[in-house]
N, C-alpha and C. Protein backbone atom coordinates (compact mmCIF):
# COMPACT_ATOMS: atom_id res chain seq x y z
N MET A 1 80.87 95.32 121.13
CA MET A 1 82.26 95.76 121.30
C MET A 1 82.99 95.77 119.96
N TRP A 2 83.98 96.62 119.85
CA TRP A 2 84.74 96.73 118.61
C TRP A 2 85.44 95.42 118.26
N LYS A 3 85.93 94.69 119.29
CA LYS A 3 86.62 93.44 119.02
C LYS A 3 85.67 92.40 118.43
N ASP A 4 84.47 92.34 118.97
CA ASP A 4 83.47 91.41 118.44
C ASP A 4 83.15 91.73 116.98
N ARG A 5 83.08 93.03 116.67
CA ARG A 5 82.79 93.44 115.30
C ARG A 5 83.90 93.01 114.35
N LEU A 6 85.15 93.12 114.80
CA LEU A 6 86.28 92.70 113.97
C LEU A 6 86.24 91.19 113.73
N ILE A 7 85.97 90.45 114.77
CA ILE A 7 85.93 89.00 114.64
C ILE A 7 84.80 88.57 113.72
N GLN A 8 83.63 89.19 113.89
CA GLN A 8 82.50 88.86 113.03
C GLN A 8 82.81 89.21 111.57
N GLY A 9 83.44 90.36 111.36
CA GLY A 9 83.81 90.75 110.00
C GLY A 9 84.78 89.76 109.38
N TYR A 10 85.74 89.29 110.18
CA TYR A 10 86.70 88.31 109.69
C TYR A 10 86.00 87.02 109.27
N ARG A 11 85.07 86.58 110.11
CA ARG A 11 84.35 85.34 109.80
C ARG A 11 83.52 85.49 108.52
N GLU A 12 82.92 86.65 108.34
CA GLU A 12 82.14 86.89 107.12
C GLU A 12 83.05 86.94 105.89
N PHE A 13 84.24 87.51 106.07
CA PHE A 13 85.23 87.54 104.99
C PHE A 13 85.64 86.12 104.60
N ARG A 14 85.92 85.28 105.60
CA ARG A 14 86.32 83.90 105.32
C ARG A 14 85.22 83.13 104.59
N ALA A 15 83.98 83.38 104.98
CA ALA A 15 82.86 82.66 104.38
C ALA A 15 82.45 83.23 103.02
N GLY A 16 82.79 84.53 102.79
CA GLY A 16 82.37 85.20 101.56
C GLY A 16 83.48 85.41 100.58
N ASP A 17 84.12 86.57 100.62
CA ASP A 17 85.13 86.94 99.63
C ASP A 17 86.28 85.94 99.55
N PHE A 18 86.78 85.51 100.70
CA PHE A 18 87.92 84.58 100.68
C PHE A 18 87.53 83.25 100.05
N ALA A 19 86.36 82.76 100.41
CA ALA A 19 85.91 81.49 99.85
C ALA A 19 85.78 81.57 98.33
N GLU A 20 85.30 82.72 97.85
CA GLU A 20 85.11 82.90 96.41
C GLU A 20 86.43 83.14 95.68
N GLN A 21 87.42 83.70 96.38
CA GLN A 21 88.68 84.07 95.74
C GLN A 21 89.87 83.32 96.34
N LYS A 22 89.63 82.13 96.85
CA LYS A 22 90.68 81.37 97.53
C LYS A 22 91.90 81.17 96.64
N ALA A 23 91.67 80.82 95.39
CA ALA A 23 92.78 80.59 94.47
C ALA A 23 93.61 81.85 94.26
N LEU A 24 92.93 83.01 94.19
CA LEU A 24 93.63 84.28 94.01
C LEU A 24 94.52 84.58 95.21
N TYR A 25 93.99 84.38 96.41
CA TYR A 25 94.79 84.63 97.62
C TYR A 25 96.00 83.69 97.67
N GLU A 26 95.79 82.43 97.29
CA GLU A 26 96.90 81.48 97.30
C GLU A 26 97.98 81.90 96.31
N GLU A 27 97.55 82.35 95.13
CA GLU A 27 98.51 82.80 94.13
C GLU A 27 99.27 84.03 94.60
N LEU A 28 98.56 84.99 95.19
CA LEU A 28 99.20 86.21 95.68
C LEU A 28 100.17 85.90 96.81
N GLY A 29 99.77 85.00 97.68
CA GLY A 29 100.63 84.65 98.81
C GLY A 29 101.85 83.86 98.39
N THR A 30 101.73 83.10 97.32
CA THR A 30 102.82 82.25 96.86
C THR A 30 103.75 82.98 95.89
N LYS A 31 103.16 83.69 94.93
CA LYS A 31 103.94 84.30 93.87
C LYS A 31 104.22 85.79 94.08
N GLY A 32 103.56 86.40 95.06
CA GLY A 32 103.79 87.81 95.33
C GLY A 32 102.81 88.71 94.59
N GLN A 33 102.89 90.00 94.87
CA GLN A 33 101.99 90.99 94.29
C GLN A 33 102.62 91.66 93.07
N LYS A 34 101.76 92.02 92.12
CA LYS A 34 102.22 92.74 90.94
C LYS A 34 101.19 93.82 90.57
N PRO A 35 100.91 94.73 91.50
CA PRO A 35 99.93 95.77 91.19
C PRO A 35 100.46 96.72 90.12
N LYS A 36 99.57 97.23 89.31
CA LYS A 36 99.96 98.18 88.26
C LYS A 36 99.83 99.63 88.73
N VAL A 37 99.06 99.82 89.80
CA VAL A 37 98.74 101.18 90.24
C VAL A 37 98.99 101.33 91.73
N MET A 38 99.52 102.47 92.12
CA MET A 38 99.59 102.85 93.53
C MET A 38 98.61 103.98 93.77
N ILE A 39 97.80 103.83 94.80
CA ILE A 39 96.86 104.88 95.20
C ILE A 39 97.37 105.52 96.48
N ILE A 40 97.52 106.83 96.47
CA ILE A 40 97.88 107.58 97.68
C ILE A 40 96.63 108.31 98.10
N ALA A 41 96.02 107.85 99.18
CA ALA A 41 94.71 108.34 99.60
C ALA A 41 94.73 108.76 101.06
N CYS A 42 93.64 109.34 101.49
CA CYS A 42 93.49 109.77 102.88
C CYS A 42 93.12 108.57 103.76
N SER A 43 93.49 108.64 105.02
CA SER A 43 93.14 107.58 105.97
C SER A 43 91.67 107.58 106.35
N ASP A 44 90.95 108.59 105.93
CA ASP A 44 89.54 108.73 106.28
C ASP A 44 88.76 107.44 106.02
N SER A 45 87.99 107.01 107.00
CA SER A 45 87.26 105.73 106.90
C SER A 45 86.15 105.75 105.87
N ARG A 46 85.79 106.94 105.37
CA ARG A 46 84.68 107.06 104.43
C ARG A 46 85.11 106.99 102.97
N ALA A 47 86.40 106.93 102.73
CA ALA A 47 86.90 107.00 101.34
C ALA A 47 87.92 105.90 101.10
N ASP A 48 87.45 104.68 101.04
CA ASP A 48 88.31 103.51 100.87
C ASP A 48 88.56 103.26 99.38
N PRO A 49 89.81 103.39 98.92
CA PRO A 49 90.10 103.22 97.49
C PRO A 49 89.66 101.86 96.94
N SER A 50 89.80 100.81 97.72
CA SER A 50 89.41 99.49 97.23
C SER A 50 87.92 99.42 96.92
N ASP A 51 87.11 100.10 97.73
CA ASP A 51 85.67 100.16 97.46
C ASP A 51 85.38 101.05 96.26
N ILE A 52 85.98 102.22 96.25
CA ILE A 52 85.69 103.20 95.19
C ILE A 52 86.03 102.66 93.81
N PHE A 53 87.14 101.93 93.71
CA PHE A 53 87.58 101.41 92.41
C PHE A 53 87.26 99.93 92.23
N ASN A 54 86.50 99.38 93.18
CA ASN A 54 86.05 97.99 93.08
C ASN A 54 87.23 97.06 92.76
N ALA A 55 88.30 97.19 93.54
CA ALA A 55 89.54 96.48 93.25
C ALA A 55 89.62 95.14 93.96
N TYR A 56 90.19 94.17 93.28
CA TYR A 56 90.46 92.87 93.86
C TYR A 56 91.76 92.92 94.64
N PRO A 57 91.98 91.98 95.56
CA PRO A 57 93.27 91.91 96.25
C PRO A 57 94.40 91.79 95.22
N GLY A 58 95.47 92.54 95.45
CA GLY A 58 96.61 92.50 94.56
C GLY A 58 96.57 93.48 93.41
N GLU A 59 95.44 94.15 93.20
CA GLU A 59 95.32 95.07 92.06
C GLU A 59 95.96 96.43 92.31
N MET A 60 95.89 96.91 93.57
CA MET A 60 96.38 98.25 93.87
C MET A 60 97.27 98.23 95.11
N PHE A 61 98.36 98.96 95.03
CA PHE A 61 99.22 99.18 96.19
C PHE A 61 98.75 100.48 96.82
N VAL A 62 98.26 100.43 98.04
CA VAL A 62 97.58 101.58 98.63
C VAL A 62 98.35 102.15 99.82
N LEU A 63 98.57 103.45 99.78
CA LEU A 63 99.14 104.19 100.90
C LEU A 63 98.09 105.17 101.38
N ARG A 64 97.82 105.18 102.67
CA ARG A 64 96.85 106.12 103.21
C ARG A 64 97.47 106.89 104.37
N ASN A 65 97.28 108.20 104.37
CA ASN A 65 97.74 109.03 105.47
C ASN A 65 96.77 110.20 105.63
N VAL A 66 96.99 111.03 106.62
CA VAL A 66 96.12 112.18 106.85
C VAL A 66 96.20 113.14 105.68
N ALA A 67 95.08 113.37 105.02
CA ALA A 67 94.94 114.35 103.93
C ALA A 67 95.69 113.96 102.65
N ASN A 68 95.98 112.66 102.48
CA ASN A 68 96.64 112.18 101.25
C ASN A 68 97.80 113.07 100.80
N ILE A 69 98.67 113.38 101.75
CA ILE A 69 99.79 114.29 101.48
C ILE A 69 101.03 113.51 101.05
N VAL A 70 101.65 113.97 99.98
CA VAL A 70 102.99 113.51 99.60
C VAL A 70 103.96 114.62 99.96
N PRO A 71 104.85 114.39 100.90
CA PRO A 71 105.84 115.43 101.23
C PRO A 71 106.87 115.54 100.13
N PRO A 72 107.53 116.67 100.02
CA PRO A 72 108.62 116.78 99.04
C PRO A 72 109.82 115.97 99.50
N LEU A 73 110.74 115.72 98.60
CA LEU A 73 111.95 114.99 98.92
C LEU A 73 112.63 115.60 100.15
N ASP A 74 112.99 114.75 101.10
CA ASP A 74 113.69 115.18 102.31
C ASP A 74 114.88 114.25 102.51
N PRO A 75 116.09 114.73 102.19
CA PRO A 75 117.27 113.86 102.27
C PRO A 75 117.79 113.63 103.68
N THR A 76 117.19 114.28 104.68
CA THR A 76 117.67 114.11 106.04
C THR A 76 117.26 112.76 106.60
N GLU A 77 117.99 112.32 107.61
CA GLU A 77 117.66 111.05 108.25
C GLU A 77 116.34 111.19 109.01
N GLY A 78 115.60 110.12 109.05
CA GLY A 78 114.32 110.14 109.75
C GLY A 78 113.47 108.98 109.29
N TYR A 79 112.25 108.95 109.80
CA TYR A 79 111.34 107.87 109.46
C TYR A 79 110.36 108.39 108.41
N HIS A 80 110.70 108.18 107.16
CA HIS A 80 109.92 108.73 106.05
C HIS A 80 108.99 107.65 105.48
N GLY A 81 107.93 107.38 106.21
CA GLY A 81 107.03 106.29 105.85
C GLY A 81 106.38 106.45 104.49
N THR A 82 105.86 107.64 104.22
CA THR A 82 105.20 107.88 102.93
C THR A 82 106.20 107.77 101.79
N SER A 83 107.34 108.37 101.95
CA SER A 83 108.37 108.33 100.91
C SER A 83 108.85 106.90 100.67
N ALA A 84 108.96 106.11 101.74
CA ALA A 84 109.41 104.73 101.61
C ALA A 84 108.40 103.90 100.81
N ALA A 85 107.12 104.13 101.06
CA ALA A 85 106.09 103.39 100.33
C ALA A 85 106.12 103.73 98.85
N ILE A 86 106.31 105.00 98.54
CA ILE A 86 106.38 105.43 97.14
C ILE A 86 107.61 104.83 96.47
N GLU A 87 108.73 104.84 97.15
CA GLU A 87 109.96 104.26 96.61
C GLU A 87 109.78 102.77 96.33
N PHE A 88 109.15 102.06 97.25
CA PHE A 88 108.91 100.63 97.08
C PHE A 88 108.02 100.37 95.87
N ALA A 89 106.97 101.18 95.73
CA ALA A 89 106.04 101.00 94.61
C ALA A 89 106.72 101.22 93.27
N VAL A 90 107.56 102.25 93.19
CA VAL A 90 108.19 102.62 91.91
C VAL A 90 109.39 101.74 91.59
N LYS A 91 110.25 101.51 92.58
CA LYS A 91 111.52 100.84 92.31
C LYS A 91 111.47 99.33 92.46
N VAL A 92 110.56 98.83 93.28
CA VAL A 92 110.47 97.38 93.51
C VAL A 92 109.29 96.77 92.76
N LEU A 93 108.11 97.37 92.93
CA LEU A 93 106.91 96.83 92.28
C LEU A 93 106.79 97.28 90.82
N ASN A 94 107.49 98.35 90.47
CA ASN A 94 107.43 98.88 89.10
C ASN A 94 106.00 99.20 88.66
N VAL A 95 105.27 99.89 89.52
CA VAL A 95 103.91 100.27 89.16
C VAL A 95 103.94 101.20 87.95
N GLU A 96 102.83 101.23 87.24
CA GLU A 96 102.74 102.05 86.03
C GLU A 96 102.11 103.42 86.29
N ALA A 97 101.48 103.58 87.45
CA ALA A 97 100.82 104.86 87.76
C ALA A 97 100.81 105.12 89.25
N LEU A 98 100.98 106.38 89.61
CA LEU A 98 100.78 106.86 90.97
C LEU A 98 99.57 107.78 90.94
N VAL A 99 98.54 107.45 91.69
CA VAL A 99 97.31 108.23 91.74
C VAL A 99 97.16 108.84 93.13
N VAL A 100 97.10 110.16 93.20
CA VAL A 100 96.83 110.85 94.46
C VAL A 100 95.35 111.20 94.48
N MET A 101 94.63 110.68 95.47
CA MET A 101 93.18 110.89 95.53
C MET A 101 92.78 111.65 96.80
N GLY A 102 92.26 112.87 96.61
CA GLY A 102 91.68 113.61 97.72
C GLY A 102 90.21 113.27 97.85
N HIS A 103 89.56 113.86 98.84
CA HIS A 103 88.14 113.56 99.02
C HIS A 103 87.41 114.69 99.73
N GLU A 104 86.12 114.64 99.64
CA GLU A 104 85.22 115.62 100.24
C GLU A 104 85.27 115.53 101.77
N SER A 105 85.10 116.69 102.41
CA SER A 105 85.01 116.77 103.88
C SER A 105 86.23 116.19 104.57
N CYS A 106 87.40 116.48 104.04
CA CYS A 106 88.65 115.95 104.60
C CYS A 106 89.02 116.68 105.89
N GLY A 107 89.15 115.94 106.97
CA GLY A 107 89.47 116.54 108.26
C GLY A 107 90.86 117.15 108.31
N GLY A 108 91.82 116.51 107.62
CA GLY A 108 93.17 117.06 107.60
C GLY A 108 93.25 118.38 106.88
N ILE A 109 92.51 118.49 105.78
CA ILE A 109 92.45 119.75 105.04
C ILE A 109 91.78 120.82 105.88
N ALA A 110 90.68 120.45 106.53
CA ALA A 110 89.97 121.41 107.39
C ALA A 110 90.87 121.88 108.52
N GLY A 111 91.66 120.96 109.08
CA GLY A 111 92.58 121.33 110.15
C GLY A 111 93.65 122.30 109.68
N CYS A 112 94.18 122.06 108.49
CA CYS A 112 95.19 122.98 107.94
C CYS A 112 94.59 124.36 107.72
N LEU A 113 93.39 124.39 107.16
CA LEU A 113 92.72 125.67 106.93
C LEU A 113 92.46 126.41 108.24
N ALA A 114 92.24 125.65 109.31
CA ALA A 114 91.98 126.26 110.62
C ALA A 114 93.26 126.71 111.32
N GLY A 115 94.42 126.42 110.73
CA GLY A 115 95.68 126.89 111.29
C GLY A 115 96.48 125.87 112.05
N MET A 116 96.10 124.58 111.99
CA MET A 116 96.84 123.57 112.74
C MET A 116 98.30 123.50 112.33
N GLY A 117 98.58 123.79 111.07
CA GLY A 117 99.95 123.70 110.58
C GLY A 117 100.87 124.77 111.15
N HIS A 118 100.29 125.75 111.79
CA HIS A 118 101.08 126.81 112.42
C HIS A 118 101.04 126.72 113.94
N ASP A 119 100.35 125.72 114.47
CA ASP A 119 100.15 125.59 115.91
C ASP A 119 101.16 124.61 116.50
N PRO A 120 102.10 125.10 117.31
CA PRO A 120 103.13 124.21 117.87
C PRO A 120 102.55 123.18 118.83
N ASP A 121 101.33 123.38 119.29
CA ASP A 121 100.70 122.43 120.22
C ASP A 121 99.77 121.44 119.51
N ALA A 122 99.81 121.43 118.18
CA ALA A 122 98.89 120.58 117.43
C ALA A 122 99.42 119.18 117.19
N GLY A 123 100.53 118.84 117.81
CA GLY A 123 101.04 117.48 117.78
C GLY A 123 101.50 117.01 116.42
N TYR A 124 101.46 115.70 116.24
CA TYR A 124 101.91 115.11 114.99
C TYR A 124 101.06 115.56 113.81
N VAL A 125 99.76 115.68 114.04
CA VAL A 125 98.87 116.08 112.94
C VAL A 125 99.21 117.48 112.46
N GLY A 126 99.41 118.40 113.40
CA GLY A 126 99.76 119.76 113.03
C GLY A 126 101.06 119.83 112.24
N LYS A 127 102.05 119.06 112.69
CA LYS A 127 103.33 119.04 111.99
C LYS A 127 103.16 118.46 110.59
N TRP A 128 102.35 117.43 110.47
CA TRP A 128 102.12 116.79 109.17
C TRP A 128 101.44 117.74 108.19
N VAL A 129 100.33 118.35 108.62
CA VAL A 129 99.61 119.21 107.68
C VAL A 129 100.34 120.51 107.41
N SER A 130 101.37 120.81 108.20
CA SER A 130 102.16 122.02 107.91
C SER A 130 102.85 121.90 106.55
N ILE A 131 102.97 120.68 106.05
CA ILE A 131 103.56 120.47 104.73
C ILE A 131 102.79 121.23 103.66
N ILE A 132 101.48 121.41 103.89
CA ILE A 132 100.65 122.09 102.89
C ILE A 132 100.23 123.49 103.35
N ASN A 133 101.00 124.08 104.26
CA ASN A 133 100.70 125.46 104.67
C ASN A 133 100.75 126.43 103.49
N GLU A 134 101.71 126.23 102.60
CA GLU A 134 101.81 127.14 101.44
C GLU A 134 100.62 126.96 100.50
N VAL A 135 100.09 125.74 100.44
CA VAL A 135 98.88 125.51 99.66
C VAL A 135 97.72 126.28 100.27
N ARG A 136 97.62 126.22 101.57
CA ARG A 136 96.59 126.98 102.29
C ARG A 136 96.69 128.47 101.98
N ASP A 137 97.91 128.99 102.03
CA ASP A 137 98.11 130.41 101.78
C ASP A 137 97.68 130.79 100.36
N ARG A 138 97.99 129.94 99.39
CA ARG A 138 97.61 130.21 97.99
C ARG A 138 96.09 130.23 97.83
N VAL A 139 95.44 129.26 98.45
CA VAL A 139 93.99 129.19 98.33
C VAL A 139 93.33 130.37 99.03
N MET A 140 93.80 130.71 100.21
CA MET A 140 93.21 131.83 100.96
C MET A 140 93.41 133.14 100.22
N ALA A 141 94.51 133.27 99.49
CA ALA A 141 94.80 134.51 98.77
C ALA A 141 93.86 134.73 97.59
N ARG A 142 93.13 133.70 97.21
CA ARG A 142 92.21 133.82 96.07
C ARG A 142 90.88 134.47 96.47
N ASN A 143 90.67 134.68 97.77
CA ASN A 143 89.43 135.33 98.25
C ASN A 143 88.17 134.66 97.71
N LEU A 144 88.12 133.35 97.81
CA LEU A 144 86.99 132.58 97.33
C LEU A 144 85.79 132.71 98.27
N PRO A 145 84.59 132.46 97.77
CA PRO A 145 83.43 132.39 98.67
C PRO A 145 83.67 131.32 99.74
N GLU A 146 83.18 131.56 100.93
CA GLU A 146 83.47 130.68 102.06
C GLU A 146 83.10 129.22 101.78
N ASP A 147 82.01 129.01 101.06
CA ASP A 147 81.55 127.64 100.82
C ASP A 147 82.37 126.91 99.75
N GLN A 148 83.34 127.59 99.15
CA GLN A 148 84.18 126.96 98.13
C GLN A 148 85.61 126.70 98.60
N VAL A 149 85.97 127.31 99.73
CA VAL A 149 87.37 127.27 100.16
C VAL A 149 87.85 125.85 100.43
N THR A 150 87.08 125.07 101.18
CA THR A 150 87.52 123.73 101.53
C THR A 150 87.67 122.85 100.30
N PHE A 151 86.68 122.91 99.41
CA PHE A 151 86.73 122.12 98.18
C PHE A 151 87.97 122.47 97.36
N GLU A 152 88.23 123.75 97.19
CA GLU A 152 89.38 124.17 96.40
C GLU A 152 90.69 123.77 97.07
N MET A 153 90.72 123.81 98.40
CA MET A 153 91.90 123.38 99.13
C MET A 153 92.13 121.89 98.96
N GLU A 154 91.07 121.11 98.96
CA GLU A 154 91.18 119.66 98.75
C GLU A 154 91.77 119.35 97.37
N LEU A 155 91.32 120.08 96.36
CA LEU A 155 91.86 119.89 95.01
C LEU A 155 93.31 120.36 94.92
N GLU A 156 93.57 121.52 95.49
CA GLU A 156 94.92 122.08 95.42
C GLU A 156 95.92 121.21 96.18
N GLY A 157 95.46 120.57 97.25
CA GLY A 157 96.32 119.65 97.98
C GLY A 157 96.76 118.48 97.12
N VAL A 158 95.85 117.97 96.30
CA VAL A 158 96.19 116.89 95.37
C VAL A 158 97.23 117.38 94.36
N ARG A 159 96.99 118.57 93.81
CA ARG A 159 97.93 119.11 92.83
C ARG A 159 99.33 119.27 93.44
N GLN A 160 99.40 119.73 94.68
CA GLN A 160 100.70 119.92 95.33
C GLN A 160 101.39 118.59 95.55
N SER A 161 100.63 117.58 95.93
CA SER A 161 101.23 116.25 96.13
C SER A 161 101.79 115.70 94.83
N LEU A 162 101.11 115.96 93.73
CA LEU A 162 101.63 115.54 92.43
C LEU A 162 102.92 116.27 92.10
N THR A 163 102.97 117.56 92.42
CA THR A 163 104.20 118.34 92.23
C THR A 163 105.31 117.79 93.10
N ASN A 164 104.99 117.46 94.35
CA ASN A 164 106.01 116.94 95.27
C ASN A 164 106.54 115.59 94.82
N LEU A 165 105.70 114.78 94.19
CA LEU A 165 106.18 113.49 93.69
C LEU A 165 107.35 113.66 92.73
N MET A 166 107.30 114.71 91.95
CA MET A 166 108.36 114.94 90.95
C MET A 166 109.67 115.42 91.56
N THR A 167 109.69 115.68 92.87
CA THR A 167 110.95 116.04 93.53
C THR A 167 111.79 114.80 93.84
N PHE A 168 111.19 113.61 93.74
CA PHE A 168 111.92 112.37 93.96
C PHE A 168 112.58 111.94 92.65
N PRO A 169 113.89 111.83 92.59
CA PRO A 169 114.56 111.50 91.34
C PRO A 169 114.05 110.21 90.69
N PHE A 170 113.75 109.18 91.50
CA PHE A 170 113.30 107.91 90.91
C PHE A 170 111.91 108.04 90.31
N VAL A 171 111.08 108.94 90.83
CA VAL A 171 109.77 109.21 90.23
C VAL A 171 109.95 110.02 88.96
N ARG A 172 110.73 111.09 89.04
CA ARG A 172 110.95 111.96 87.87
C ARG A 172 111.54 111.18 86.71
N ASP A 173 112.53 110.34 87.00
CA ASP A 173 113.17 109.57 85.93
C ASP A 173 112.18 108.61 85.28
N ALA A 174 111.33 107.97 86.09
CA ALA A 174 110.36 107.01 85.55
C ALA A 174 109.29 107.72 84.72
N VAL A 175 108.89 108.91 85.17
CA VAL A 175 107.90 109.68 84.41
C VAL A 175 108.49 110.13 83.08
N GLU A 176 109.70 110.67 83.12
CA GLU A 176 110.32 111.22 81.91
C GLU A 176 110.66 110.12 80.89
N SER A 177 110.85 108.90 81.36
CA SER A 177 111.15 107.79 80.45
C SER A 177 109.87 107.13 79.92
N GLY A 178 108.73 107.57 80.43
CA GLY A 178 107.47 107.01 79.97
C GLY A 178 107.04 105.75 80.69
N GLN A 179 107.77 105.35 81.72
CA GLN A 179 107.45 104.14 82.46
C GLN A 179 106.39 104.36 83.53
N LEU A 180 106.15 105.61 83.90
CA LEU A 180 105.27 105.92 85.02
C LEU A 180 104.40 107.13 84.68
N SER A 181 103.14 107.07 85.08
CA SER A 181 102.22 108.21 84.92
C SER A 181 101.76 108.68 86.29
N LEU A 182 101.51 109.97 86.41
CA LEU A 182 100.96 110.56 87.62
C LEU A 182 99.54 111.02 87.35
N GLN A 183 98.65 110.82 88.32
CA GLN A 183 97.25 111.16 88.12
C GLN A 183 96.65 111.71 89.40
N GLY A 184 95.90 112.80 89.28
CA GLY A 184 95.15 113.34 90.41
C GLY A 184 93.70 112.89 90.36
N ALA A 185 93.11 112.63 91.52
CA ALA A 185 91.72 112.21 91.58
C ALA A 185 91.07 112.82 92.82
N TYR A 186 89.74 112.84 92.81
CA TYR A 186 88.99 113.41 93.93
C TYR A 186 87.66 112.68 94.05
N PHE A 187 87.28 112.34 95.29
CA PHE A 187 86.05 111.57 95.51
C PHE A 187 85.10 112.35 96.41
N SER A 188 83.86 112.51 95.94
CA SER A 188 82.80 113.11 96.74
C SER A 188 82.12 112.01 97.53
N ILE A 189 82.19 112.08 98.84
CA ILE A 189 81.58 111.06 99.69
C ILE A 189 80.06 111.08 99.57
N ILE A 190 79.48 112.27 99.61
CA ILE A 190 78.02 112.41 99.63
C ILE A 190 77.38 111.87 98.36
N LYS A 191 77.99 112.18 97.22
CA LYS A 191 77.39 111.79 95.94
C LYS A 191 78.09 110.60 95.28
N ALA A 192 79.13 110.07 95.93
CA ALA A 192 79.92 108.99 95.34
C ALA A 192 80.37 109.37 93.93
N LYS A 193 80.80 110.61 93.78
CA LYS A 193 81.21 111.14 92.48
C LYS A 193 82.73 111.20 92.41
N LEU A 194 83.27 110.66 91.33
CA LEU A 194 84.72 110.68 91.12
C LEU A 194 85.10 111.74 90.10
N MET A 195 86.17 112.46 90.41
CA MET A 195 86.73 113.42 89.47
C MET A 195 88.19 113.04 89.24
N MET A 196 88.66 113.29 88.01
CA MET A 196 90.07 113.06 87.70
C MET A 196 90.64 114.29 87.02
N ALA A 197 91.91 114.55 87.29
CA ALA A 197 92.57 115.73 86.72
C ALA A 197 92.98 115.46 85.29
N ASN A 198 92.78 116.46 84.43
CA ASN A 198 93.25 116.34 83.05
C ASN A 198 94.70 116.82 82.96
N ASP A 199 95.23 116.90 81.77
CA ASP A 199 96.65 117.28 81.60
C ASP A 199 96.94 118.70 82.07
N SER A 200 95.89 119.52 82.17
CA SER A 200 96.06 120.90 82.63
C SER A 200 95.88 121.04 84.13
N GLY A 201 95.57 119.93 84.80
CA GLY A 201 95.38 119.97 86.25
C GLY A 201 93.97 120.30 86.67
N GLU A 202 93.07 120.43 85.71
CA GLU A 202 91.66 120.70 86.03
C GLU A 202 90.94 119.38 86.27
N PHE A 203 90.07 119.37 87.27
CA PHE A 203 89.37 118.14 87.62
C PHE A 203 88.05 118.02 86.88
N GLU A 204 87.85 116.87 86.27
CA GLU A 204 86.65 116.61 85.48
C GLU A 204 85.89 115.42 86.05
N VAL A 205 84.57 115.51 86.03
CA VAL A 205 83.73 114.45 86.57
C VAL A 205 83.77 113.23 85.66
N ILE A 206 83.92 112.05 86.27
CA ILE A 206 83.87 110.80 85.53
C ILE A 206 82.43 110.31 85.55
N GLN A 207 81.87 110.09 84.38
CA GLN A 207 80.49 109.64 84.32
C GLN A 207 80.36 108.21 84.81
N ALA A 208 79.38 107.98 85.65
CA ALA A 208 79.15 106.65 86.22
C ALA A 208 78.48 105.75 85.19
C-alpha cells in the first residue's frame, strides 16, 4: 500500500540521511533557512531538483507546478501561489538566483500542445497551461519536424517563464541592481543530461 511505502521511506530517512545530518537539521530548524537559489521546476515525479543538483536540505528553495510555468504579473485579487513563492524567495529569503528548469517528456507541455489551454472542459490544468498558449502558437508557427516540436516547446516554455519573471517589479529591480540572476535550465530524464541557457537564451549541454 502507498501508506506503508511512505512509512517505510520515513523510517529509512530517519535511519539514514537524518542520522547523518542531524546537526544540519537542528541548525535549519533553529536558525531558519538561507538558500541562495530558488528552483522553479515541474511537479513531475521524474525530475526532482534536489536529486538532479545533489542538494542538501536548506540549499535550495523549490517551487514545483505543472510545466514549471511562471505566470506574468497579475495585480487582480486571487490565490497566486506561484507568484507568492517567488515574492517570498526574492524579498524575504534574498536568494541570489531564480532558476526555471524544464524537462523532457513534460505532460503539461504535451497537454498545451494538444490544445488543453483552449479547452473550457480541461479543468484547472487547462486553465493553467493556457498561460503558455502564445508560446504554443509561436512554436507551431515554426513548422518544425514533428519529433522536435515537444522539445522546442519545453525550451520555449522556460524562456517565456524567464520573461514573465521580469514583469514582477521586485524581480526586475533586483536583477537590474545586480542582486539577482535569472537562469534557464532543462533536464533530460532518459539521459540524465542537464542543459543551461546562455546569455542569448540558447541551451547548452553541461558536461558531466
